[in-house]
PDB file of N, CA and C in Angstrom:
ATOM      1  N   UNK A   1     -45.350   9.859 -22.832  1.00  0.00           N
ATOM      2  CA  UNK A   1     -44.045  10.531 -22.835  1.00  0.00           C
ATOM      3  C   UNK A   1     -43.163   9.914 -21.611  1.00  0.00           C
ATOM      4  N   UNK A   2     -42.089   9.267 -22.054  1.00  0.00           N
ATOM      5  CA  UNK A   2     -41.259   8.638 -21.138  1.00  0.00           C
ATOM      6  C   UNK A   2     -40.064   9.661 -20.616  1.00  0.00           C
ATOM      7  N   UNK A   3     -39.683   9.874 -19.375  1.00  0.00           N
ATOM      8  CA  UNK A   3     -38.744  10.891 -18.963  1.00  0.00           C
ATOM      9  C   UNK A   3     -37.704  10.042 -18.350  1.00  0.00           C
ATOM     10  N   UNK A   4     -36.516   9.867 -18.706  1.00  0.00           N
ATOM     11  CA  UNK A   4     -35.534   9.055 -18.227  1.00  0.00           C
ATOM     12  C   UNK A   4     -34.965   9.683 -17.024  1.00  0.00           C
ATOM     13  N   UNK A   5     -34.461   8.938 -15.946  1.00  0.00           N
ATOM     14  CA  UNK A   5     -34.274   9.422 -14.691  1.00  0.00           C
ATOM     15  C   UNK A   5     -32.615   9.327 -14.616  1.00  0.00           C
ATOM     16  N   UNK A   6     -32.141  10.444 -14.440  1.00  0.00           N
ATOM     17  CA  UNK A   6     -30.476  10.614 -14.474  1.00  0.00           C
ATOM     18  C   UNK A   6     -30.013  10.275 -13.236  1.00  0.00           C
ATOM     19  N   UNK A   7     -29.100   9.414 -13.106  1.00  0.00           N
ATOM     20  CA  UNK A   7     -28.371   9.282 -11.887  1.00  0.00           C
ATOM     21  C   UNK A   7     -26.917   9.769 -11.854  1.00  0.00           C
ATOM     22  N   UNK A   8     -26.427  11.009 -10.852  1.00  0.00           N
ATOM     23  CA  UNK A   8     -25.430  11.646 -11.043  1.00  0.00           C
ATOM     24  C   UNK A   8     -24.248  10.616 -10.573  1.00  0.00           C
ATOM     25  N   UNK A   9     -23.201  10.818 -11.054  1.00  0.00           N
ATOM     26  CA  UNK A   9     -21.968   9.976 -10.481  1.00  0.00           C
ATOM     27  C   UNK A   9     -20.944  11.135  -9.732  1.00  0.00           C
ATOM     28  N   UNK A  10     -20.597  10.754  -8.475  1.00  0.00           N
ATOM     29  CA  UNK A  10     -19.783  11.816  -7.867  1.00  0.00           C
ATOM     30  C   UNK A  10     -18.484  10.924  -7.570  1.00  0.00           C
ATOM     31  N   UNK A  11     -17.353  11.406  -8.123  1.00  0.00           N
ATOM     32  CA  UNK A  11     -16.169  10.507  -7.838  1.00  0.00           C
ATOM     33  C   UNK A  11     -15.411  11.362  -6.664  1.00  0.00           C
ATOM     34  N   UNK A  12     -15.256  10.613  -5.750  1.00  0.00           N
ATOM     35  CA  UNK A  12     -14.411  11.136  -4.313  1.00  0.00           C
ATOM     36  C   UNK A  12     -13.217  10.523  -4.373  1.00  0.00           C
ATOM     37  N   UNK A  13     -12.034  11.344  -3.682  1.00  0.00           N
ATOM     38  CA  UNK A  13     -10.967  10.758  -3.348  1.00  0.00           C
ATOM     39  C   UNK A  13     -10.375  11.415  -2.204  1.00  0.00           C
ATOM     40  N   UNK A  14      -9.225  10.901  -1.533  1.00  0.00           N
ATOM     41  CA  UNK A  14      -8.671  11.164  -0.170  1.00  0.00           C
ATOM     42  C   UNK A  14      -7.543  11.948  -0.792  1.00  0.00           C
ATOM     43  N   UNK A  15      -7.409  13.308  -0.047  1.00  0.00           N
ATOM     44  CA  UNK A  15      -5.985  13.804  -0.247  1.00  0.00           C
ATOM     45  C   UNK A  15      -4.968  13.255   0.363  1.00  0.00           C
ATOM     46  N   UNK A  16      -5.048  12.435   1.389  1.00  0.00           N
ATOM     47  CA  UNK A  16      -3.987  12.089   2.002  1.00  0.00           C
ATOM     48  C   UNK A  16      -3.467  10.551   1.732  1.00  0.00           C
ATOM     49  N   UNK A  17      -4.446   9.646   1.436  1.00  0.00           N
ATOM     50  CA  UNK A  17      -4.082   8.223   1.163  1.00  0.00           C
ATOM     51  C   UNK A  17      -4.557   7.782  -0.172  1.00  0.00           C
ATOM     52  N   UNK A  18      -5.064   8.770  -0.977  1.00  0.00           N
ATOM     53  CA  UNK A  18      -5.720   8.541  -2.370  1.00  0.00           C
ATOM     54  C   UNK A  18      -6.516   7.229  -2.523  1.00  0.00           C
ATOM     55  N   UNK A  19      -7.370   7.141  -1.622  1.00  0.00           N
ATOM     56  CA  UNK A  19      -8.443   6.209  -1.612  1.00  0.00           C
ATOM     57  C   UNK A  19      -9.663   6.646  -2.473  1.00  0.00           C
ATOM     58  N   UNK A  20     -10.370   6.021  -3.559  1.00  0.00           N
ATOM     59  CA  UNK A  20     -11.152   6.456  -4.321  1.00  0.00           C
ATOM     60  C   UNK A  20     -12.669   5.936  -3.974  1.00  0.00           C
ATOM     61  N   UNK A  21     -13.764   6.521  -4.385  1.00  0.00           N
ATOM     62  CA  UNK A  21     -15.041   6.134  -4.220  1.00  0.00           C
ATOM     63  C   UNK A  21     -15.908   6.771  -5.193  1.00  0.00           C
ATOM     64  N   UNK A  22     -17.113   6.222  -5.350  1.00  0.00           N
ATOM     65  CA  UNK A  22     -18.036   6.766  -5.985  1.00  0.00           C
ATOM     66  C   UNK A  22     -19.511   6.623  -5.355  1.00  0.00           C
ATOM     67  N   UNK A  23     -20.396   8.084  -5.459  1.00  0.00           N
ATOM     68  CA  UNK A  23     -21.751   7.863  -5.109  1.00  0.00           C
ATOM     69  C   UNK A  23     -22.524   8.267  -6.034  1.00  0.00           C
ATOM     70  N   UNK A  24     -23.721   7.991  -5.885  1.00  0.00           N
ATOM     71  CA  UNK A  24     -24.765   8.298  -6.954  1.00  0.00           C
ATOM     72  C   UNK A  24     -25.871   8.961  -6.313  1.00  0.00           C
ATOM     73  N   UNK A  25     -25.859   9.829  -5.183  1.00  0.00           N
ATOM     74  CA  UNK A  25     -26.864  10.578  -4.547  1.00  0.00           C
ATOM     75  C   UNK A  25     -26.961  11.978  -5.391  1.00  0.00           C
ATOM     76  N   UNK A  26     -28.288  12.391  -5.382  1.00  0.00           N
ATOM     77  CA  UNK A  26     -28.516  13.713  -6.238  1.00  0.00           C
ATOM     78  C   UNK A  26     -28.460  14.918  -5.254  1.00  0.00           C
ATOM     79  N   UNK A  27     -28.813  14.536  -3.909  1.00  0.00           N
ATOM     80  CA  UNK A  27     -28.902  15.755  -2.830  1.00  0.00           C
ATOM     81  C   UNK A  27     -27.405  16.018  -2.563  1.00  0.00           C
ATOM     82  N   UNK A  28     -27.003  17.078  -1.974  1.00  0.00           N
ATOM     83  CA  UNK A  28     -25.930  17.298  -1.511  1.00  0.00           C
ATOM     84  C   UNK A  28     -25.258  16.498  -0.628  1.00  0.00           C
ATOM     85  N   UNK A  29     -24.028  16.102  -0.211  1.00  0.00           N
ATOM     86  CA  UNK A  29     -23.724  15.304   0.612  1.00  0.00           C
ATOM     87  C   UNK A  29     -22.165  15.182   0.389  1.00  0.00           C
ATOM     88  N   UNK A  30     -21.476  14.471   1.589  1.00  0.00           N
ATOM     89  CA  UNK A  30     -20.175  14.305   1.612  1.00  0.00           C
ATOM     90  C   UNK A  30     -20.033  12.931   1.928  1.00  0.00           C
ATOM     91  N   UNK A  31     -18.594  12.458   1.562  1.00  0.00           N
ATOM     92  CA  UNK A  31     -18.291  11.013   1.797  1.00  0.00           C
ATOM     93  C   UNK A  31     -17.229  10.759   2.557  1.00  0.00           C
ATOM     94  N   UNK A  32     -17.311   9.778   3.653  1.00  0.00           N
ATOM     95  CA  UNK A  32     -16.152   9.651   4.844  1.00  0.00           C
ATOM     96  C   UNK A  32     -15.615   8.387   4.328  1.00  0.00           C
ATOM     97  N   UNK A  33     -14.311   7.936   5.041  1.00  0.00           N
ATOM     98  CA  UNK A  33     -13.773   6.979   4.924  1.00  0.00           C
ATOM     99  C   UNK A  33     -12.804   6.683   6.078  1.00  0.00           C
ATOM    100  N   UNK A  34     -12.306   5.336   6.264  1.00  0.00           N
ATOM    101  CA  UNK A  34     -11.403   5.322   7.398  1.00  0.00           C
ATOM    102  C   UNK A  34      -9.950   5.416   6.636  1.00  0.00           C
ATOM    103  N   UNK A  35      -9.268   6.370   6.811  1.00  0.00           N
ATOM    104  CA  UNK A  35      -8.114   6.849   6.150  1.00  0.00           C
ATOM    105  C   UNK A  35      -6.729   6.010   6.863  1.00  0.00           C
ATOM    106  N   UNK A  36      -6.222   5.105   5.665  1.00  0.00           N
ATOM    107  CA  UNK A  36      -5.139   4.362   5.986  1.00  0.00           C
ATOM    108  C   UNK A  36      -3.816   5.263   6.530  1.00  0.00           C
ATOM    109  N   UNK A  37      -3.849   6.418   5.839  1.00  0.00           N
ATOM    110  CA  UNK A  37      -2.712   7.252   5.967  1.00  0.00           C
ATOM    111  C   UNK A  37      -2.953   8.087   7.380  1.00  0.00           C
ATOM    112  N   UNK A  38      -4.031   8.027   7.929  1.00  0.00           N
ATOM    113  CA  UNK A  38      -4.265   8.383   9.325  1.00  0.00           C
ATOM    114  C   UNK A  38      -4.612   7.348  10.341  1.00  0.00           C
ATOM    115  N   UNK A  39      -3.765   6.071  10.070  1.00  0.00           N
ATOM    116  CA  UNK A  39      -4.066   5.037  11.068  1.00  0.00           C
ATOM    117  C   UNK A  39      -5.502   4.604  11.157  1.00  0.00           C
ATOM    118  N   UNK A  40      -6.435   4.905  10.326  1.00  0.00           N
ATOM    119  CA  UNK A  40      -7.783   4.439  10.458  1.00  0.00           C
ATOM    120  C   UNK A  40      -8.832   5.335  11.031  1.00  0.00           C
ATOM    121  N   UNK A  41      -8.224   6.709  11.168  1.00  0.00           N
ATOM    122  CA  UNK A  41      -9.017   7.895  11.486  1.00  0.00           C
ATOM    123  C   UNK A  41     -10.210   7.890  10.514  1.00  0.00           C
ATOM    124  N   UNK A  42     -11.474   8.379  10.939  1.00  0.00           N
ATOM    125  CA  UNK A  42     -12.474   8.635  10.149  1.00  0.00           C
ATOM    126  C   UNK A  42     -12.291  10.009   9.402  1.00  0.00           C
ATOM    127  N   UNK A  43     -12.163  10.136   8.120  1.00  0.00           N
ATOM    128  CA  UNK A  43     -11.746  11.266   7.504  1.00  0.00           C
ATOM    129  C   UNK A  43     -12.613  11.831   6.542  1.00  0.00           C
ATOM    130  N   UNK A  44     -12.953  12.966   5.999  1.00  0.00           N
ATOM    131  CA  UNK A  44     -13.906  13.495   4.933  1.00  0.00           C
ATOM    132  C   UNK A  44     -12.945  13.190   3.664  1.00  0.00           C
ATOM    133  N   UNK A  45     -13.828  12.844   2.751  1.00  0.00           N
ATOM    134  CA  UNK A  45     -13.191  12.779   1.262  1.00  0.00           C
ATOM    135  C   UNK A  45     -13.508  14.184   0.248  1.00  0.00           C
ATOM    136  N   UNK A  46     -12.825  14.408  -0.677  1.00  0.00           N
ATOM    137  CA  UNK A  46     -13.226  15.550  -1.776  1.00  0.00           C
ATOM    138  C   UNK A  46     -13.724  14.963  -2.961  1.00  0.00           C
ATOM    139  N   UNK A  47     -14.361  15.799  -3.815  1.00  0.00           N
ATOM    140  CA  UNK A  47     -14.753  15.368  -4.988  1.00  0.00           C
ATOM    141  C   UNK A  47     -13.232  15.305  -5.965  1.00  0.00           C
ATOM    142  N   UNK A  48     -13.072  14.216  -6.898  1.00  0.00           N
ATOM    143  CA  UNK A  48     -11.789  14.166  -7.472  1.00  0.00           C
ATOM    144  C   UNK A  48     -11.515  15.347  -8.288  1.00  0.00           C
ATOM    145  N   UNK A  49     -10.441  15.609  -8.475  1.00  0.00           N
ATOM    146  CA  UNK A  49      -9.740  16.819  -8.997  1.00  0.00           C
ATOM    147  C   UNK A  49      -9.550  18.232  -8.249  1.00  0.00           C
ATOM    148  N   UNK A  50     -10.066  18.027  -6.838  1.00  0.00           N
ATOM    149  CA  UNK A  50     -10.197  19.213  -5.926  1.00  0.00           C
ATOM    150  C   UNK A  50      -8.828  19.152  -5.329  1.00  0.00           C
ATOM    151  N   UNK A  51      -8.045  20.226  -5.416  1.00  0.00           N
ATOM    152  CA  UNK A  51      -6.883  20.427  -4.549  1.00  0.00           C
ATOM    153  C   UNK A  51      -7.208  20.528  -3.169  1.00  0.00           C
ATOM    154  N   UNK A  52      -6.843  19.919  -2.292  1.00  0.00           N
ATOM    155  CA  UNK A  52      -7.088  19.840  -0.676  1.00  0.00           C
ATOM    156  C   UNK A  52      -5.926  19.251   0.259  1.00  0.00           C
ATOM    157  N   UNK A  53      -5.823  19.816   1.530  1.00  0.00           N
ATOM    158  CA  UNK A  53      -4.985  19.251   2.300  1.00  0.00           C
ATOM    159  C   UNK A  53      -5.679  18.796   3.648  1.00  0.00           C
ATOM    160  N   UNK A  54      -5.053  17.830   4.322  1.00  0.00           N
ATOM    161  CA  UNK A  54      -5.701  17.301   5.604  1.00  0.00           C
ATOM    162  C   UNK A  54      -4.833  17.495   6.535  1.00  0.00           C
ATOM    163  N   UNK A  55      -5.695  17.868   7.877  1.00  0.00           N
ATOM    164  CA  UNK A  55      -4.674  18.240   8.967  1.00  0.00           C
ATOM    165  C   UNK A  55      -5.575  17.363  10.322  1.00  0.00           C
ATOM    166  N   UNK A  56      -4.926  16.768  11.026  1.00  0.00           N
ATOM    167  CA  UNK A  56      -5.453  16.130  12.271  1.00  0.00           C
ATOM    168  C   UNK A  56      -5.166  17.390  13.631  1.00  0.00           C
ATOM    169  N   UNK A  57      -6.048  17.526  14.281  1.00  0.00           N
ATOM    170  CA  UNK A  57      -5.961  18.528  15.280  1.00  0.00           C
ATOM    171  C   UNK A  57      -6.059  17.721  16.776  1.00  0.00           C
ATOM    172  N   UNK A  58      -4.937  17.775  17.601  1.00  0.00           N
ATOM    173  CA  UNK A  58      -5.083  17.176  18.855  1.00  0.00           C
ATOM    174  C   UNK A  58      -5.935  18.129  19.792  1.00  0.00           C
ATOM    175  N   UNK A  59      -6.370  17.285  20.738  1.00  0.00           N
ATOM    176  CA  UNK A  59      -7.122  17.739  21.760  1.00  0.00           C
ATOM    177  C   UNK A  59      -6.238  18.795  22.520  1.00  0.00           C
ATOM    178  N   UNK A  60      -6.563  19.917  23.064  1.00  0.00           N
ATOM    179  CA  UNK A  60      -5.842  20.811  23.897  1.00  0.00           C
ATOM    180  C   UNK A  60      -6.536  21.099  25.197  1.00  0.00           C
ATOM    181  N   UNK A  61      -7.648  20.342  25.469  1.00  0.00           N
ATOM    182  CA  UNK A  61      -8.240  20.521  26.946  1.00  0.00           C
ATOM    183  C   UNK A  61      -8.006  19.172  27.755  1.00  0.00           C
ATOM    184  N   UNK A  62      -8.514  19.237  28.942  1.00  0.00           N
ATOM    185  CA  UNK A  62      -8.280  18.309  29.795  1.00  0.00           C
ATOM    186  C   UNK A  62      -8.952  17.073  29.584  1.00  0.00           C
ATOM    187  N   UNK A  63      -8.357  15.899  29.607  1.00  0.00           N
ATOM    188  CA  UNK A  63      -9.039  14.763  29.142  1.00  0.00           C
ATOM    189  C   UNK A  63      -9.509  13.915  30.264  1.00  0.00           C
ATOM    190  N   UNK A  64      -8.690  13.868  31.346  1.00  0.00           N
ATOM    191  CA  UNK A  64      -9.351  13.313  32.730  1.00  0.00           C
ATOM    192  C   UNK A  64      -9.618  11.693  32.309  1.00  0.00           C
ATOM    193  N   UNK A  65     -10.767  11.022  32.753  1.00  0.00           N
ATOM    194  CA  UNK A  65     -11.315   9.688  32.295  1.00  0.00           C
ATOM    195  C   UNK A  65     -12.191   9.625  31.119  1.00  0.00           C
ATOM    196  N   UNK A  66     -12.297  10.892  30.304  1.00  0.00           N
ATOM    197  CA  UNK A  66     -13.120  10.871  29.291  1.00  0.00           C
ATOM    198  C   UNK A  66     -12.458   9.630  28.135  1.00  0.00           C
ATOM    199  N   UNK A  67     -13.256   9.140  27.361  1.00  0.00           N
ATOM    200  CA  UNK A  67     -12.770   8.009  26.294  1.00  0.00           C
ATOM    201  C   UNK A  67     -12.798   8.951  24.966  1.00  0.00           C
ATOM    202  N   UNK A  68     -11.546   9.267  24.501  1.00  0.00           N
ATOM    203  CA  UNK A  68     -11.212  10.095  23.174  1.00  0.00           C
ATOM    204  C   UNK A  68     -10.723   9.034  22.224  1.00  0.00           C
ATOM    205  N   UNK A  69     -10.985   9.771  20.973  1.00  0.00           N
ATOM    206  CA  UNK A  69     -10.189   8.803  19.799  1.00  0.00           C
ATOM    207  C   UNK A  69      -8.575   9.260  19.789  1.00  0.00           C
ATOM    208  N   UNK A  70      -8.040   8.136  19.611  1.00  0.00           N
ATOM    209  CA  UNK A  70      -6.324   8.460  19.684  1.00  0.00           C
ATOM    210  C   UNK A  70      -6.016   8.238  18.392  1.00  0.00           C
ATOM    211  N   UNK A  71      -4.719   9.017  18.038  1.00  0.00           N
ATOM    212  CA  UNK A  71      -4.031   8.807  16.792  1.00  0.00           C
ATOM    213  C   UNK A  71      -2.498   9.025  17.133  1.00  0.00           C
ATOM    214  N   UNK A  72      -1.703   8.077  16.897  1.00  0.00           N
ATOM    215  CA  UNK A  72      -0.420   7.731  17.124  1.00  0.00           C
ATOM    216  C   UNK A  72      -0.263   7.908  18.668  1.00  0.00           C
ATOM    217  N   UNK A  73      -1.261   7.611  19.478  1.00  0.00           N
ATOM    218  CA  UNK A  73      -0.704   7.666  21.185  1.00  0.00           C
ATOM    219  C   UNK A  73      -1.479   9.193  21.623  1.00  0.00           C
ATOM    220  N   UNK A  74      -1.857  10.033  20.815  1.00  0.00           N
ATOM    221  CA  UNK A  74      -2.225  11.277  21.165  1.00  0.00           C
ATOM    222  C   UNK A  74      -3.714  11.561  21.004  1.00  0.00           C
ATOM    223  N   UNK A  75      -4.391  12.313  21.906  1.00  0.00           N
ATOM    224  CA  UNK A  75      -5.884  12.399  21.569  1.00  0.00           C
ATOM    225  C   UNK A  75      -6.192  13.463  20.602  1.00  0.00           C
ATOM    226  N   UNK A  76      -7.156  13.018  19.801  1.00  0.00           N
ATOM    227  CA  UNK A  76      -7.617  13.836  18.569  1.00  0.00           C
ATOM    228  C   UNK A  76      -8.861  14.672  18.763  1.00  0.00           C
ATOM    229  N   UNK A  77      -8.934  15.680  18.239  1.00  0.00           N
ATOM    230  CA  UNK A  77     -10.361  16.488  18.632  1.00  0.00           C
ATOM    231  C   UNK A  77     -11.065  16.499  17.216  1.00  0.00           C
ATOM    232  N   UNK A  78     -10.059  16.734  15.994  1.00  0.00           N
ATOM    233  CA  UNK A  78     -10.738  16.585  14.751  1.00  0.00           C
ATOM    234  C   UNK A  78      -9.924  16.397  13.585  1.00  0.00           C
ATOM    235  N   UNK A  79     -10.668  16.191  12.495  1.00  0.00           N
ATOM    236  CA  UNK A  79      -9.768  16.051  11.069  1.00  0.00           C
ATOM    237  C   UNK A  79     -10.359  16.827  10.236  1.00  0.00           C
ATOM    238  N   UNK A  80      -9.605  17.659   9.775  1.00  0.00           N
ATOM    239  CA  UNK A  80     -10.262  18.921   8.780  1.00  0.00           C
ATOM    240  C   UNK A  80      -9.305  18.777   7.534  1.00  0.00           C
ATOM    241  N   UNK A  81     -10.237  18.806   6.298  1.00  0.00           N
ATOM    242  CA  UNK A  81      -9.911  18.884   5.075  1.00  0.00           C
ATOM    243  C   UNK A  81      -9.931  20.422   4.587  1.00  0.00           C
ATOM    244  N   UNK A  82      -9.095  21.005   4.094  1.00  0.00           N
ATOM    245  CA  UNK A  82      -9.191  22.397   3.656  1.00  0.00           C
ATOM    246  C   UNK A  82      -9.095  22.461   2.199  1.00  0.00           C
ATOM    247  N   UNK A  83     -10.074  22.854   1.494  1.00  0.00           N
ATOM    248  CA  UNK A  83     -10.286  23.246  -0.164  1.00  0.00           C
ATOM    249  C   UNK A  83      -9.874  24.578  -0.334  1.00  0.00           C
ATOM    250  N   UNK A  84      -9.860  24.981  -1.585  1.00  0.00           N
ATOM    251  CA  UNK A  84      -9.958  26.253  -1.906  1.00  0.00           C
ATOM    252  C   UNK A  84     -10.957  27.202  -1.612  1.00  0.00           C
ATOM    253  N   UNK A  85     -12.166  26.340  -1.561  1.00  0.00           N
ATOM    254  CA  UNK A  85     -13.581  27.049  -1.578  1.00  0.00           C
ATOM    255  C   UNK A  85     -14.004  26.560  -0.104  1.00  0.00           C
ATOM    256  N   UNK A  86     -13.403  26.197   0.703  1.00  0.00           N
ATOM    257  CA  UNK A  86     -14.019  25.799   2.192  1.00  0.00           C
ATOM    258  C   UNK A  86     -13.371  24.748   2.831  1.00  0.00           C
ATOM    259  N   UNK A  87     -13.864  23.999   3.750  1.00  0.00           N
ATOM    260  CA  UNK A  87     -13.356  22.943   4.491  1.00  0.00           C
ATOM    261  C   UNK A  87     -14.373  22.031   4.909  1.00  0.00           C
ATOM    262  N   UNK A  88     -14.008  20.901   5.130  1.00  0.00           N
ATOM    263  CA  UNK A  88     -14.937  19.853   5.678  1.00  0.00           C
ATOM    264  C   UNK A  88     -14.216  19.213   6.801  1.00  0.00           C
ATOM    265  N   UNK A  89     -14.980  18.963   8.033  1.00  0.00           N
ATOM    266  CA  UNK A  89     -14.421  18.519   9.244  1.00  0.00           C
ATOM    267  C   UNK A  89     -15.137  17.465   9.914  1.00  0.00           C
ATOM    268  N   UNK A  90     -14.508  16.623  10.568  1.00  0.00           N
ATOM    269  CA  UNK A  90     -15.235  15.550  11.520  1.00  0.00           C
ATOM    270  C   UNK A  90     -14.780  15.824  12.821  1.00  0.00           C
ATOM    271  N   UNK A  91     -15.457  15.973  13.819  1.00  0.00           N
ATOM    272  CA  UNK A  91     -14.954  16.036  15.248  1.00  0.00           C
ATOM    273  C   UNK A  91     -15.484  14.891  15.976  1.00  0.00           C
ATOM    274  N   UNK A  92     -14.440  14.617  16.799  1.00  0.00           N
ATOM    275  CA  UNK A  92     -14.541  13.525  17.773  1.00  0.00           C
ATOM    276  C   UNK A  92     -14.841  14.022  19.223  1.00  0.00           C
ATOM    277  N   UNK A  93     -16.162  13.881  19.643  1.00  0.00           N
ATOM    278  CA  UNK A  93     -16.434  14.250  20.804  1.00  0.00           C
ATOM    279  C   UNK A  93     -16.328  13.346  21.785  1.00  0.00           C
ATOM    280  N   UNK A  94     -15.660  13.742  22.951  1.00  0.00           N
ATOM    281  CA  UNK A  94     -15.087  12.771  24.106  1.00  0.00           C
ATOM    282  C   UNK A  94     -16.680  12.064  24.670  1.00  0.00           C
ATOM    283  N   UNK A  95     -16.279  11.070  25.071  1.00  0.00           N
ATOM    284  CA  UNK A  95     -17.287  10.114  25.910  1.00  0.00           C
ATOM    285  C   UNK A  95     -17.172  10.029  27.291  1.00  0.00           C
ATOM    286  N   UNK A  96     -17.956  10.479  28.135  1.00  0.00           N
ATOM    287  CA  UNK A  96     -17.718  10.447  29.535  1.00  0.00           C
ATOM    288  C   UNK A  96     -18.157   9.069  30.063  1.00  0.00           C
ATOM    289  N   UNK A  97     -17.468   8.637  31.330  1.00  0.00           N
ATOM    290  CA  UNK A  97     -17.865   7.504  32.077  1.00  0.00           C
ATOM    291  C   UNK A  97     -18.632   7.548  33.292  1.00  0.00           C
ATOM    292  N   UNK A  98     -19.629   7.067  33.658  1.00  0.00           N
ATOM    293  CA  UNK A  98     -20.141   6.942  34.774  1.00  0.00           C
ATOM    294  C   UNK A  98     -20.280   5.694  35.309  1.00  0.00           C
ATOM    295  N   UNK A  99     -20.229   5.779  36.895  1.00  0.00           N
ATOM    296  CA  UNK A  99     -20.331   4.607  37.958  1.00  0.00           C
ATOM    297  C   UNK A  99     -20.990   4.851  39.202  1.00  0.00           C
ATOM    298  N   UNK A 100     -21.212   3.746  39.638  1.00  0.00           N
ATOM    299  CA  UNK A 100     -21.961   3.980  40.973  1.00  0.00           C
ATOM    300  C   UNK A 100     -20.829   4.062  42.385  1.00  0.00           C
ATOM    301  N   UNK A 101     -21.372   4.903  43.058  1.00  0.00           N
ATOM    302  CA  UNK A 101     -20.460   4.970  44.395  1.00  0.00           C
ATOM    303  C   UNK A 101     -20.584   3.816  45.328  1.00  0.00           C
TER     304      UNK A 101
END
């Protein structure tokens, strides 16, 4: 008996810049892209047909000498995509610099 292997097609879109992509992964997953509408910030995509909004959250803590992600000259903490049934987020952690005395 021959059993066909079905490959799922997941159609993704960005609620901000309308970029589209397709994946064929059977396991639960998400898709990210460099959003042109957010000046190249990495942002989550949503399944096509999903109503969603995207927000950029600025860092509200002390930056100091940390290397942080910038968006329009301001330090960014995260990019959040809010859907009716939940949210997806990407968090940009700061990078500390070290040196010798």
